[in-house]
N, C-alpha and C. Protein backbone atom coordinates (compact mmCIF):
# COMPACT_ATOMS: atom_id res chain seq x y z
N MET A 1 8.70 54.20 -38.60
CA MET A 1 8.09 55.48 -38.32
C MET A 1 6.64 55.25 -37.87
N LYS A 2 6.26 55.91 -36.80
CA LYS A 2 4.93 55.75 -36.26
C LYS A 2 3.89 56.42 -37.16
N VAL A 3 2.75 55.74 -37.35
CA VAL A 3 1.65 56.27 -38.16
C VAL A 3 0.45 56.52 -37.26
N THR A 4 -0.08 57.74 -37.30
CA THR A 4 -1.27 58.10 -36.56
C THR A 4 -2.42 58.24 -37.55
N THR A 5 -3.53 57.58 -37.28
CA THR A 5 -4.70 57.70 -38.15
C THR A 5 -5.64 58.75 -37.59
N ARG A 6 -6.04 59.68 -38.45
CA ARG A 6 -7.03 60.71 -38.12
C ARG A 6 -8.22 60.52 -39.03
N VAL A 7 -9.40 60.71 -38.48
CA VAL A 7 -10.62 60.73 -39.27
C VAL A 7 -11.04 62.19 -39.33
N VAL A 8 -11.25 62.70 -40.55
CA VAL A 8 -11.53 64.12 -40.68
C VAL A 8 -12.83 64.36 -41.44
N ALA A 9 -13.46 65.48 -41.11
CA ALA A 9 -14.75 65.86 -41.67
C ALA A 9 -14.58 67.05 -42.60
N VAL A 10 -14.96 66.86 -43.85
CA VAL A 10 -15.03 67.97 -44.79
C VAL A 10 -16.46 68.50 -44.72
N ILE A 11 -16.58 69.74 -44.26
CA ILE A 11 -17.89 70.39 -44.14
C ILE A 11 -17.87 71.56 -45.11
N ILE A 12 -18.72 71.49 -46.14
CA ILE A 12 -18.76 72.53 -47.17
C ILE A 12 -20.16 73.13 -47.21
N GLN A 13 -20.21 74.44 -47.17
CA GLN A 13 -21.46 75.18 -47.32
C GLN A 13 -21.21 76.34 -48.27
N ASP A 14 -22.05 76.48 -49.27
CA ASP A 14 -21.91 77.57 -50.25
C ASP A 14 -20.51 77.62 -50.85
N HIS A 15 -19.96 76.47 -51.19
CA HIS A 15 -18.63 76.34 -51.78
C HIS A 15 -17.54 76.90 -50.87
N LYS A 16 -17.75 76.83 -49.57
CA LYS A 16 -16.75 77.22 -48.58
C LYS A 16 -16.49 76.04 -47.65
N LEU A 17 -15.23 75.81 -47.35
CA LEU A 17 -14.78 74.70 -46.51
C LEU A 17 -14.55 75.19 -45.09
N LEU A 18 -15.12 74.49 -44.12
CA LEU A 18 -14.91 74.83 -42.72
C LEU A 18 -13.54 74.34 -42.27
N LEU A 19 -12.72 75.27 -41.79
CA LEU A 19 -11.43 74.95 -41.21
C LEU A 19 -11.40 75.49 -39.79
N GLU A 20 -10.57 74.87 -38.97
CA GLU A 20 -10.45 75.30 -37.58
C GLU A 20 -9.00 75.57 -37.23
N LYS A 21 -8.84 76.40 -36.19
CA LYS A 21 -7.51 76.74 -35.68
C LYS A 21 -7.47 76.36 -34.21
N GLY A 22 -6.51 75.54 -33.86
CA GLY A 22 -6.36 75.11 -32.48
C GLY A 22 -5.71 76.18 -31.62
N LYS A 23 -6.02 76.15 -30.34
CA LYS A 23 -5.40 77.10 -29.41
C LYS A 23 -3.90 76.88 -29.38
N GLY A 24 -3.16 77.97 -29.54
CA GLY A 24 -1.71 77.90 -29.52
C GLY A 24 -1.07 77.58 -30.86
N TYR A 25 -1.86 77.48 -31.92
CA TYR A 25 -1.34 77.17 -33.26
C TYR A 25 -1.63 78.33 -34.20
N ASN A 26 -0.86 78.41 -35.28
CA ASN A 26 -1.07 79.44 -36.30
C ASN A 26 -1.79 78.89 -37.52
N GLU A 27 -1.72 77.58 -37.73
CA GLU A 27 -2.24 76.96 -38.93
C GLU A 27 -3.70 76.53 -38.78
N LEU A 28 -4.36 76.43 -39.93
CA LEU A 28 -5.73 75.90 -39.98
C LEU A 28 -5.70 74.47 -40.49
N TRP A 29 -6.73 73.69 -40.10
CA TRP A 29 -6.88 72.32 -40.58
C TRP A 29 -8.36 71.96 -40.56
N VAL A 30 -8.69 70.80 -41.16
CA VAL A 30 -10.07 70.34 -41.15
C VAL A 30 -10.39 69.67 -39.82
N PRO A 31 -11.64 69.77 -39.36
CA PRO A 31 -12.02 69.14 -38.09
C PRO A 31 -11.83 67.62 -38.13
N GLY A 32 -11.54 67.07 -36.97
CA GLY A 32 -11.40 65.62 -36.86
C GLY A 32 -10.46 65.26 -35.73
N GLY A 33 -10.10 63.98 -35.70
CA GLY A 33 -9.20 63.55 -34.65
C GLY A 33 -8.89 62.07 -34.73
N LYS A 34 -8.17 61.61 -33.72
CA LYS A 34 -7.74 60.22 -33.66
C LYS A 34 -8.86 59.32 -33.13
N ILE A 35 -8.90 58.12 -33.68
CA ILE A 35 -9.88 57.12 -33.26
C ILE A 35 -9.46 56.56 -31.90
N GLU A 36 -10.41 56.49 -30.99
CA GLU A 36 -10.15 55.89 -29.68
C GLU A 36 -10.41 54.39 -29.76
N PRO A 37 -9.82 53.62 -28.85
CA PRO A 37 -10.01 52.16 -28.87
C PRO A 37 -11.50 51.79 -28.90
N HIS A 38 -11.83 50.82 -29.73
CA HIS A 38 -13.18 50.28 -29.87
C HIS A 38 -14.16 51.32 -30.43
N GLU A 39 -13.65 52.32 -31.17
CA GLU A 39 -14.49 53.35 -31.75
C GLU A 39 -14.44 53.21 -33.27
N SER A 40 -15.58 53.31 -33.94
CA SER A 40 -15.61 53.27 -35.39
C SER A 40 -15.21 54.65 -35.94
N GLU A 41 -14.93 54.71 -37.23
CA GLU A 41 -14.58 56.00 -37.82
C GLU A 41 -15.73 56.99 -37.70
N LEU A 42 -16.95 56.54 -37.93
CA LEU A 42 -18.10 57.45 -37.82
C LEU A 42 -18.35 57.88 -36.39
N ASP A 43 -18.15 56.97 -35.43
CA ASP A 43 -18.28 57.35 -34.02
C ASP A 43 -17.23 58.41 -33.66
N CYS A 44 -16.03 58.26 -34.19
CA CYS A 44 -14.97 59.24 -33.96
C CYS A 44 -15.38 60.60 -34.52
N LEU A 45 -15.90 60.62 -35.74
CA LEU A 45 -16.34 61.88 -36.33
C LEU A 45 -17.42 62.54 -35.49
N LYS A 46 -18.40 61.76 -35.06
CA LYS A 46 -19.48 62.29 -34.22
C LYS A 46 -18.91 62.93 -32.96
N ARG A 47 -18.02 62.21 -32.29
CA ARG A 47 -17.44 62.69 -31.04
C ARG A 47 -16.61 63.94 -31.26
N GLU A 48 -15.74 63.91 -32.26
CA GLU A 48 -14.85 65.05 -32.51
C GLU A 48 -15.63 66.30 -32.89
N LEU A 49 -16.64 66.17 -33.73
CA LEU A 49 -17.43 67.34 -34.14
C LEU A 49 -18.19 67.94 -32.95
N ALA A 50 -18.69 67.08 -32.09
CA ALA A 50 -19.38 67.56 -30.89
C ALA A 50 -18.39 68.24 -29.94
N GLU A 51 -17.23 67.61 -29.71
CA GLU A 51 -16.23 68.15 -28.78
C GLU A 51 -15.60 69.44 -29.29
N GLU A 52 -15.27 69.50 -30.58
CA GLU A 52 -14.52 70.63 -31.12
C GLU A 52 -15.41 71.80 -31.52
N LEU A 53 -16.62 71.50 -32.06
CA LEU A 53 -17.42 72.55 -32.69
C LEU A 53 -18.87 72.59 -32.23
N ASN A 54 -19.25 71.70 -31.32
CA ASN A 54 -20.61 71.65 -30.81
C ASN A 54 -21.65 71.50 -31.93
N ILE A 55 -21.34 70.63 -32.90
CA ILE A 55 -22.27 70.34 -33.99
C ILE A 55 -22.50 68.84 -34.06
N GLU A 56 -23.59 68.46 -34.71
CA GLU A 56 -24.00 67.06 -34.80
C GLU A 56 -23.79 66.53 -36.21
N LEU A 57 -23.14 65.39 -36.32
CA LEU A 57 -22.95 64.73 -37.61
C LEU A 57 -24.27 64.16 -38.09
N VAL A 58 -24.67 64.49 -39.32
CA VAL A 58 -25.90 63.97 -39.92
C VAL A 58 -25.57 62.83 -40.88
N SER A 59 -24.58 63.06 -41.75
CA SER A 59 -24.18 62.01 -42.70
C SER A 59 -22.71 62.17 -43.03
N ALA A 60 -22.10 61.06 -43.47
CA ALA A 60 -20.69 61.07 -43.84
C ALA A 60 -20.47 60.05 -44.96
N ASN A 61 -19.81 60.50 -46.02
CA ASN A 61 -19.46 59.63 -47.14
C ASN A 61 -17.96 59.70 -47.35
N PHE A 62 -17.32 58.51 -47.40
CA PHE A 62 -15.87 58.47 -47.56
C PHE A 62 -15.47 59.17 -48.85
N PHE A 63 -14.44 60.03 -48.77
CA PHE A 63 -13.94 60.78 -49.92
C PHE A 63 -12.59 60.26 -50.38
N LYS A 64 -11.62 60.23 -49.49
CA LYS A 64 -10.27 59.88 -49.89
C LYS A 64 -9.41 59.65 -48.65
N LYS A 65 -8.27 58.99 -48.84
CA LYS A 65 -7.30 58.87 -47.75
C LYS A 65 -5.97 59.46 -48.21
N TYR A 66 -5.23 59.98 -47.24
CA TYR A 66 -3.94 60.61 -47.50
C TYR A 66 -2.94 60.10 -46.48
N LEU A 67 -1.70 59.95 -46.90
CA LEU A 67 -0.61 59.62 -46.00
C LEU A 67 0.44 60.70 -46.17
N SER A 68 0.80 61.37 -45.08
CA SER A 68 1.76 62.47 -45.17
C SER A 68 2.56 62.57 -43.88
N LYS A 69 3.66 63.31 -43.94
CA LYS A 69 4.42 63.58 -42.72
C LYS A 69 3.56 64.43 -41.80
N HIS A 70 3.60 64.10 -40.53
CA HIS A 70 2.88 64.87 -39.53
C HIS A 70 3.43 66.29 -39.54
N PHE A 71 2.56 67.28 -39.55
CA PHE A 71 2.98 68.67 -39.70
C PHE A 71 3.85 69.14 -38.54
N TYR A 72 3.57 68.68 -37.35
CA TYR A 72 4.29 69.16 -36.16
C TYR A 72 5.38 68.21 -35.68
N ASP A 73 5.38 66.96 -36.14
CA ASP A 73 6.37 65.97 -35.70
C ASP A 73 6.82 65.18 -36.93
N HIS A 74 7.96 65.55 -37.50
CA HIS A 74 8.42 64.93 -38.75
C HIS A 74 8.93 63.50 -38.57
N ASN A 75 8.89 62.99 -37.34
CA ASN A 75 9.24 61.59 -37.10
C ASN A 75 8.01 60.70 -37.14
N ARG A 76 6.86 61.29 -37.44
CA ARG A 76 5.60 60.53 -37.52
C ARG A 76 4.94 60.77 -38.86
N LEU A 77 4.11 59.82 -39.24
CA LEU A 77 3.26 59.97 -40.43
C LEU A 77 1.82 60.07 -39.97
N THR A 78 1.02 60.77 -40.74
CA THR A 78 -0.40 60.88 -40.46
C THR A 78 -1.18 60.29 -41.62
N LYS A 79 -2.08 59.36 -41.30
CA LYS A 79 -3.00 58.83 -42.30
C LYS A 79 -4.35 59.48 -42.05
N ASP A 80 -4.77 60.34 -42.99
CA ASP A 80 -6.07 61.00 -42.88
C ASP A 80 -7.10 60.21 -43.68
N ARG A 81 -8.21 59.88 -43.02
CA ARG A 81 -9.35 59.24 -43.68
C ARG A 81 -10.43 60.32 -43.74
N VAL A 82 -10.70 60.80 -44.94
CA VAL A 82 -11.50 62.00 -45.14
C VAL A 82 -12.92 61.65 -45.56
N TYR A 83 -13.87 62.27 -44.86
CA TYR A 83 -15.29 62.07 -45.15
C TYR A 83 -15.94 63.40 -45.54
N LEU A 84 -16.78 63.36 -46.57
CA LEU A 84 -17.63 64.50 -46.90
C LEU A 84 -18.84 64.40 -45.98
N THR A 85 -19.11 65.44 -45.22
CA THR A 85 -20.13 65.34 -44.18
C THR A 85 -21.18 66.44 -44.30
N THR A 86 -22.33 66.14 -43.73
CA THR A 86 -23.33 67.17 -43.47
C THR A 86 -23.55 67.16 -41.96
N VAL A 87 -23.86 68.35 -41.44
CA VAL A 87 -23.97 68.51 -40.00
C VAL A 87 -25.19 69.35 -39.65
N ASN A 88 -25.62 69.24 -38.40
CA ASN A 88 -26.65 70.11 -37.82
C ASN A 88 -25.97 71.05 -36.85
N GLY A 89 -26.37 72.32 -36.90
CA GLY A 89 -25.86 73.30 -35.96
C GLY A 89 -24.86 74.23 -36.60
N ALA A 90 -24.64 75.34 -35.93
CA ALA A 90 -23.64 76.33 -36.36
C ALA A 90 -22.37 76.07 -35.57
N PRO A 91 -21.24 75.88 -36.26
CA PRO A 91 -19.98 75.59 -35.56
C PRO A 91 -19.60 76.68 -34.56
N GLN A 92 -19.36 76.25 -33.33
CA GLN A 92 -18.90 77.13 -32.26
C GLN A 92 -17.65 76.50 -31.65
N PRO A 93 -16.50 77.18 -31.74
CA PRO A 93 -15.26 76.61 -31.20
C PRO A 93 -15.41 76.20 -29.73
N GLN A 94 -14.95 74.99 -29.43
CA GLN A 94 -15.02 74.43 -28.08
C GLN A 94 -13.63 73.91 -27.69
N ASN A 95 -13.41 73.72 -26.41
CA ASN A 95 -12.22 73.06 -25.87
C ASN A 95 -10.93 73.59 -26.48
N GLU A 96 -10.24 72.75 -27.26
CA GLU A 96 -8.93 73.12 -27.80
C GLU A 96 -8.99 73.94 -29.08
N ILE A 97 -10.19 74.23 -29.58
CA ILE A 97 -10.34 74.98 -30.82
C ILE A 97 -10.54 76.47 -30.51
N GLU A 98 -9.73 77.30 -31.14
CA GLU A 98 -9.76 78.75 -30.89
C GLU A 98 -10.75 79.47 -31.82
N SER A 99 -10.75 79.07 -33.10
CA SER A 99 -11.61 79.78 -34.06
C SER A 99 -11.88 78.90 -35.28
N VAL A 100 -12.85 79.32 -36.07
CA VAL A 100 -13.16 78.64 -37.33
C VAL A 100 -13.15 79.66 -38.46
N VAL A 101 -12.92 79.16 -39.67
CA VAL A 101 -12.88 79.98 -40.88
C VAL A 101 -13.64 79.24 -41.97
N TRP A 102 -14.43 79.97 -42.74
CA TRP A 102 -15.06 79.40 -43.94
C TRP A 102 -14.14 79.77 -45.11
N PHE A 103 -13.41 78.79 -45.62
CA PHE A 103 -12.32 78.94 -46.57
C PHE A 103 -12.82 78.76 -48.01
N THR A 104 -12.38 79.65 -48.92
CA THR A 104 -12.75 79.54 -50.33
C THR A 104 -11.53 79.17 -51.17
N LYS A 105 -11.77 78.75 -52.39
CA LYS A 105 -10.64 78.44 -53.27
C LYS A 105 -9.83 79.70 -53.57
N GLU A 106 -10.45 80.87 -53.52
CA GLU A 106 -9.72 82.12 -53.71
C GLU A 106 -8.74 82.35 -52.55
N ASP A 107 -9.12 81.90 -51.35
CA ASP A 107 -8.23 82.01 -50.20
C ASP A 107 -6.97 81.18 -50.41
N LEU A 108 -7.09 80.05 -51.10
CA LEU A 108 -5.93 79.22 -51.39
C LEU A 108 -4.99 79.96 -52.33
N ALA A 109 -5.53 80.53 -53.39
CA ALA A 109 -4.71 81.24 -54.38
C ALA A 109 -4.03 82.46 -53.76
N SER A 110 -4.72 83.15 -52.87
CA SER A 110 -4.16 84.38 -52.29
C SER A 110 -3.28 84.10 -51.06
N LYS A 111 -3.25 82.85 -50.62
CA LYS A 111 -2.48 82.47 -49.42
C LYS A 111 -2.92 83.30 -48.21
N LYS A 112 -4.22 83.54 -48.12
CA LYS A 112 -4.79 84.37 -47.06
C LYS A 112 -4.53 83.79 -45.67
N TYR A 113 -4.55 82.45 -45.57
CA TYR A 113 -4.40 81.77 -44.28
C TYR A 113 -3.22 80.80 -44.34
N GLN A 114 -2.64 80.55 -43.18
CA GLN A 114 -1.61 79.52 -43.07
C GLN A 114 -2.30 78.20 -42.80
N LEU A 115 -1.98 77.19 -43.61
CA LEU A 115 -2.61 75.87 -43.51
C LEU A 115 -1.57 74.80 -43.23
N ILE A 116 -2.00 73.69 -42.63
CA ILE A 116 -1.08 72.56 -42.54
C ILE A 116 -0.86 72.03 -43.97
N THR A 117 0.30 71.47 -44.21
CA THR A 117 0.74 71.10 -45.56
C THR A 117 -0.24 70.18 -46.27
N ASN A 118 -0.68 69.10 -45.64
CA ASN A 118 -1.56 68.15 -46.32
C ASN A 118 -2.87 68.79 -46.76
N THR A 119 -3.41 69.67 -45.93
CA THR A 119 -4.65 70.37 -46.29
C THR A 119 -4.42 71.27 -47.49
N GLU A 120 -3.32 72.01 -47.48
CA GLU A 120 -3.03 72.97 -48.55
C GLU A 120 -2.65 72.28 -49.86
N GLU A 121 -1.78 71.27 -49.78
CA GLU A 121 -1.22 70.67 -50.99
C GLU A 121 -2.02 69.51 -51.55
N ASN A 122 -2.84 68.87 -50.75
CA ASN A 122 -3.56 67.69 -51.21
C ASN A 122 -5.07 67.82 -51.14
N LEU A 123 -5.59 68.01 -49.94
CA LEU A 123 -7.04 67.97 -49.76
C LEU A 123 -7.77 69.09 -50.52
N ILE A 124 -7.37 70.33 -50.31
CA ILE A 124 -8.09 71.44 -50.95
C ILE A 124 -8.00 71.35 -52.48
N PRO A 125 -6.83 71.08 -53.07
CA PRO A 125 -6.81 70.90 -54.54
C PRO A 125 -7.73 69.77 -55.01
N ASP A 126 -7.80 68.67 -54.24
CA ASP A 126 -8.69 67.57 -54.62
C ASP A 126 -10.16 67.98 -54.54
N LEU A 127 -10.50 68.78 -53.53
CA LEU A 127 -11.89 69.27 -53.40
C LEU A 127 -12.23 70.22 -54.55
N ILE A 128 -11.27 71.05 -54.94
CA ILE A 128 -11.48 71.96 -56.08
C ILE A 128 -11.65 71.16 -57.36
N GLN A 129 -10.77 70.17 -57.56
CA GLN A 129 -10.85 69.33 -58.76
C GLN A 129 -12.18 68.59 -58.84
N ALA A 130 -12.72 68.20 -57.68
CA ALA A 130 -14.00 67.48 -57.64
C ALA A 130 -15.18 68.44 -57.79
N GLY A 131 -14.91 69.75 -57.89
CA GLY A 131 -15.97 70.73 -58.05
C GLY A 131 -16.73 71.05 -56.78
N LEU A 132 -16.14 70.73 -55.63
CA LEU A 132 -16.81 70.95 -54.36
C LEU A 132 -16.52 72.32 -53.76
N LEU A 133 -15.41 72.93 -54.16
CA LEU A 133 -15.06 74.28 -53.69
C LEU A 133 -15.03 75.21 -54.88
């Protein structure tokens, strides 16, 4: 089974997690993307945040990694390498991103938004357990 590695940015402000919705999709996910050849994980984060949200990466600290079935292609696995980040700028959806949401732990309990499985079942509970949301 093919494994795709994504580097993702957890951006939290006032105990709210920034999630994005891609054009043509119903679900929300954390910003990030696939590493391009000869690109470091931090370079990937910088590029993806600029391309998707027009914001600048200031700092990134590794949080956790996850391996899960790809949400849209069950014949693939996704390895997410998650960084807690700080950024400059106000997120503005760009290119393939339609909108952004500042998500709270209450939103998880109320099922207010549709999320990709790994974000809903793994990442957000881990952020809550760590006291970040």
